[in-house]
N, C-alpha and C. Protein backbone atom coordinates (compact mmCIF):
# COMPACT_ATOMS: atom_id res chain seq x y z
N MET A 1 -6.76 -26.22 18.22
CA MET A 1 -5.69 -25.25 18.37
C MET A 1 -4.93 -25.05 17.04
N ALA A 2 -4.69 -26.17 16.35
CA ALA A 2 -3.98 -26.10 15.06
C ALA A 2 -4.80 -25.31 14.04
N GLU A 3 -6.14 -25.43 14.14
CA GLU A 3 -7.01 -24.70 13.22
C GLU A 3 -6.88 -23.20 13.43
N ILE A 4 -6.77 -22.78 14.65
CA ILE A 4 -6.60 -21.35 14.96
C ILE A 4 -5.27 -20.85 14.40
N GLU A 5 -4.21 -21.63 14.60
CA GLU A 5 -2.90 -21.24 14.06
C GLU A 5 -2.92 -21.19 12.54
N ASP A 6 -3.64 -22.13 11.91
CA ASP A 6 -3.76 -22.16 10.46
C ASP A 6 -4.48 -20.91 9.96
N ASN A 7 -5.54 -20.51 10.66
CA ASN A 7 -6.28 -19.30 10.29
C ASN A 7 -5.40 -18.07 10.44
N VAL A 8 -4.61 -18.02 11.51
CA VAL A 8 -3.70 -16.89 11.73
C VAL A 8 -2.66 -16.84 10.62
N ASP A 9 -2.12 -18.01 10.25
CA ASP A 9 -1.13 -18.06 9.18
C ASP A 9 -1.72 -17.59 7.85
N ARG A 10 -2.95 -18.01 7.57
CA ARG A 10 -3.60 -17.58 6.32
C ARG A 10 -3.84 -16.08 6.30
N GLU A 11 -4.29 -15.56 7.43
CA GLU A 11 -4.53 -14.11 7.51
C GLU A 11 -3.21 -13.34 7.38
N LEU A 12 -2.16 -13.83 8.01
CA LEU A 12 -0.85 -13.19 7.91
C LEU A 12 -0.38 -13.19 6.46
N PHE A 13 -0.54 -14.32 5.78
CA PHE A 13 -0.15 -14.40 4.37
C PHE A 13 -0.94 -13.41 3.52
N ARG A 14 -2.26 -13.33 3.76
CA ARG A 14 -3.10 -12.38 3.01
C ARG A 14 -2.64 -10.95 3.25
N ASN A 15 -2.31 -10.62 4.49
CA ASN A 15 -1.86 -9.26 4.80
C ASN A 15 -0.52 -8.95 4.16
N VAL A 16 0.38 -9.91 4.18
CA VAL A 16 1.70 -9.70 3.55
C VAL A 16 1.53 -9.54 2.05
N GLU A 17 0.67 -10.35 1.45
CA GLU A 17 0.42 -10.25 0.00
C GLU A 17 -0.23 -8.91 -0.35
N LYS A 18 -1.19 -8.49 0.45
CA LYS A 18 -1.85 -7.19 0.23
C LYS A 18 -0.83 -6.06 0.34
N LEU A 19 0.05 -6.16 1.33
CA LEU A 19 1.09 -5.15 1.53
C LEU A 19 2.01 -5.09 0.29
N ARG A 20 2.36 -6.24 -0.24
CA ARG A 20 3.21 -6.28 -1.43
C ARG A 20 2.51 -5.61 -2.61
N GLN A 21 1.23 -5.91 -2.80
CA GLN A 21 0.47 -5.31 -3.90
C GLN A 21 0.36 -3.79 -3.75
N LEU A 22 0.11 -3.34 -2.53
CA LEU A 22 0.00 -1.90 -2.28
C LEU A 22 1.33 -1.19 -2.56
N ARG A 23 2.43 -1.81 -2.15
CA ARG A 23 3.75 -1.20 -2.40
C ARG A 23 4.04 -1.11 -3.89
N ILE A 24 3.66 -2.13 -4.65
CA ILE A 24 3.86 -2.11 -6.10
C ILE A 24 3.03 -0.99 -6.73
N GLU A 25 1.77 -0.91 -6.33
CA GLU A 25 0.90 0.13 -6.87
C GLU A 25 1.43 1.52 -6.50
N HIS A 26 1.92 1.68 -5.28
CA HIS A 26 2.46 2.97 -4.82
C HIS A 26 3.68 3.35 -5.67
N ARG A 27 4.56 2.37 -5.89
CA ARG A 27 5.76 2.63 -6.70
C ARG A 27 5.39 2.98 -8.14
N ASP A 28 4.42 2.24 -8.70
CA ASP A 28 3.99 2.52 -10.06
C ASP A 28 3.38 3.92 -10.18
N LEU A 29 2.57 4.29 -9.19
CA LEU A 29 1.96 5.62 -9.20
C LEU A 29 3.04 6.70 -9.12
N ASP A 30 4.06 6.44 -8.32
CA ASP A 30 5.16 7.39 -8.18
C ASP A 30 5.83 7.63 -9.54
N GLU A 31 6.03 6.55 -10.29
CA GLU A 31 6.64 6.67 -11.61
C GLU A 31 5.74 7.44 -12.57
N VAL A 32 4.45 7.16 -12.55
CA VAL A 32 3.50 7.85 -13.44
C VAL A 32 3.46 9.33 -13.09
N ILE A 33 3.40 9.65 -11.82
CA ILE A 33 3.36 11.05 -11.38
C ILE A 33 4.62 11.78 -11.81
N SER A 34 5.76 11.12 -11.68
CA SER A 34 7.03 11.74 -12.09
C SER A 34 7.03 12.05 -13.58
N ARG A 35 6.56 11.08 -14.38
CA ARG A 35 6.53 11.31 -15.83
C ARG A 35 5.54 12.40 -16.21
N LEU A 36 4.37 12.38 -15.59
CA LEU A 36 3.36 13.39 -15.91
C LEU A 36 3.81 14.79 -15.49
N SER A 37 4.57 14.87 -14.42
CA SER A 37 5.05 16.17 -13.94
C SER A 37 5.97 16.84 -14.95
N LEU A 38 6.60 16.03 -15.79
CA LEU A 38 7.50 16.57 -16.81
C LEU A 38 6.76 17.10 -18.03
N ASP A 39 5.49 16.70 -18.19
CA ASP A 39 4.69 17.09 -19.34
C ASP A 39 4.13 18.50 -19.14
N LEU A 40 4.36 19.36 -20.11
CA LEU A 40 3.88 20.74 -20.02
C LEU A 40 2.36 20.82 -20.15
N HIS A 41 1.77 19.83 -20.80
CA HIS A 41 0.33 19.85 -21.05
C HIS A 41 -0.42 18.88 -20.13
N VAL A 42 0.11 18.69 -18.96
CA VAL A 42 -0.48 17.72 -18.03
C VAL A 42 -1.81 18.24 -17.49
N ASN A 43 -2.73 17.33 -17.31
CA ASN A 43 -4.01 17.65 -16.71
C ASN A 43 -3.79 17.74 -15.19
N GLU A 44 -3.85 18.95 -14.66
CA GLU A 44 -3.56 19.16 -13.24
C GLU A 44 -4.53 18.41 -12.33
N LEU A 45 -5.78 18.32 -12.74
CA LEU A 45 -6.76 17.59 -11.93
C LEU A 45 -6.41 16.11 -11.87
N GLN A 46 -6.03 15.54 -13.00
CA GLN A 46 -5.62 14.15 -13.04
C GLN A 46 -4.38 13.93 -12.15
N LEU A 47 -3.43 14.82 -12.23
CA LEU A 47 -2.21 14.73 -11.43
C LEU A 47 -2.55 14.80 -9.94
N LYS A 48 -3.44 15.69 -9.59
CA LYS A 48 -3.85 15.84 -8.19
C LYS A 48 -4.53 14.56 -7.69
N ARG A 49 -5.37 13.96 -8.53
CA ARG A 49 -6.05 12.71 -8.14
C ARG A 49 -5.06 11.58 -7.95
N LEU A 50 -4.07 11.50 -8.82
CA LEU A 50 -3.04 10.46 -8.70
C LEU A 50 -2.25 10.64 -7.40
N LYS A 51 -1.92 11.88 -7.08
CA LYS A 51 -1.18 12.15 -5.85
C LYS A 51 -2.02 11.79 -4.62
N LYS A 52 -3.31 12.07 -4.69
CA LYS A 52 -4.20 11.73 -3.58
C LYS A 52 -4.29 10.21 -3.42
N ARG A 53 -4.40 9.50 -4.54
CA ARG A 53 -4.43 8.03 -4.50
C ARG A 53 -3.13 7.49 -3.91
N LYS A 54 -2.01 8.07 -4.30
CA LYS A 54 -0.71 7.63 -3.79
C LYS A 54 -0.63 7.84 -2.27
N LEU A 55 -1.15 8.95 -1.80
CA LEU A 55 -1.15 9.22 -0.36
C LEU A 55 -2.05 8.23 0.39
N MET A 56 -3.20 7.90 -0.19
CA MET A 56 -4.08 6.91 0.43
C MET A 56 -3.40 5.55 0.51
N LEU A 57 -2.67 5.20 -0.54
CA LEU A 57 -1.93 3.94 -0.53
C LEU A 57 -0.87 3.94 0.55
N LYS A 58 -0.20 5.07 0.70
CA LYS A 58 0.83 5.19 1.74
C LYS A 58 0.22 4.96 3.12
N ASP A 59 -0.96 5.51 3.35
CA ASP A 59 -1.65 5.33 4.63
C ASP A 59 -2.04 3.86 4.84
N GLN A 60 -2.53 3.22 3.79
CA GLN A 60 -2.91 1.81 3.89
C GLN A 60 -1.68 0.94 4.19
N ILE A 61 -0.58 1.26 3.54
CA ILE A 61 0.66 0.53 3.76
C ILE A 61 1.11 0.68 5.21
N ALA A 62 1.05 1.88 5.73
CA ALA A 62 1.46 2.13 7.11
C ALA A 62 0.57 1.35 8.09
N ARG A 63 -0.74 1.32 7.82
CA ARG A 63 -1.66 0.57 8.69
C ARG A 63 -1.36 -0.92 8.67
N LEU A 64 -1.15 -1.46 7.48
CA LEU A 64 -0.85 -2.89 7.38
C LEU A 64 0.47 -3.23 8.04
N GLU A 65 1.48 -2.40 7.83
CA GLU A 65 2.77 -2.63 8.47
C GLU A 65 2.62 -2.63 9.99
N SER A 66 1.82 -1.72 10.49
CA SER A 66 1.59 -1.64 11.92
C SER A 66 0.90 -2.90 12.45
N GLN A 67 -0.04 -3.44 11.68
CA GLN A 67 -0.74 -4.66 12.08
C GLN A 67 0.19 -5.87 12.08
N LEU A 68 1.20 -5.85 11.21
CA LEU A 68 2.09 -7.00 11.09
C LEU A 68 3.16 -7.03 12.18
N ILE A 69 3.35 -5.92 12.88
CA ILE A 69 4.33 -5.87 13.96
C ILE A 69 3.70 -6.51 15.19
N PRO A 70 4.32 -7.54 15.74
CA PRO A 70 3.71 -8.20 16.90
C PRO A 70 3.75 -7.30 18.12
N ASP A 71 2.74 -7.49 18.98
CA ASP A 71 2.71 -6.74 20.24
C ASP A 71 3.86 -7.21 21.13
N LEU A 72 4.59 -6.27 21.69
CA LEU A 72 5.72 -6.64 22.54
C LEU A 72 5.24 -7.12 23.92
N ASN A 73 4.03 -6.73 24.31
CA ASN A 73 3.52 -7.13 25.62
C ASN A 73 2.94 -8.53 25.62
N ALA A 74 2.73 -9.10 24.44
CA ALA A 74 2.09 -10.43 24.36
C ALA A 74 3.02 -11.53 24.80
């Protein structure tokens, strides 16, 4: 039984750490996009790709956050 709890704790820690990394990357991308948006000679394709990556990160963050919320029926 303790082994199962240990595995759950390890998985929870991995998910929390992954969530932290995704949030950092999302924030960093937001800063890069903001700076690039101010540049008159910005590569629009590059900017579009960065925005798409940021949106994918947002979706991953939402999924992980949802997994970390315990079921109320349990």
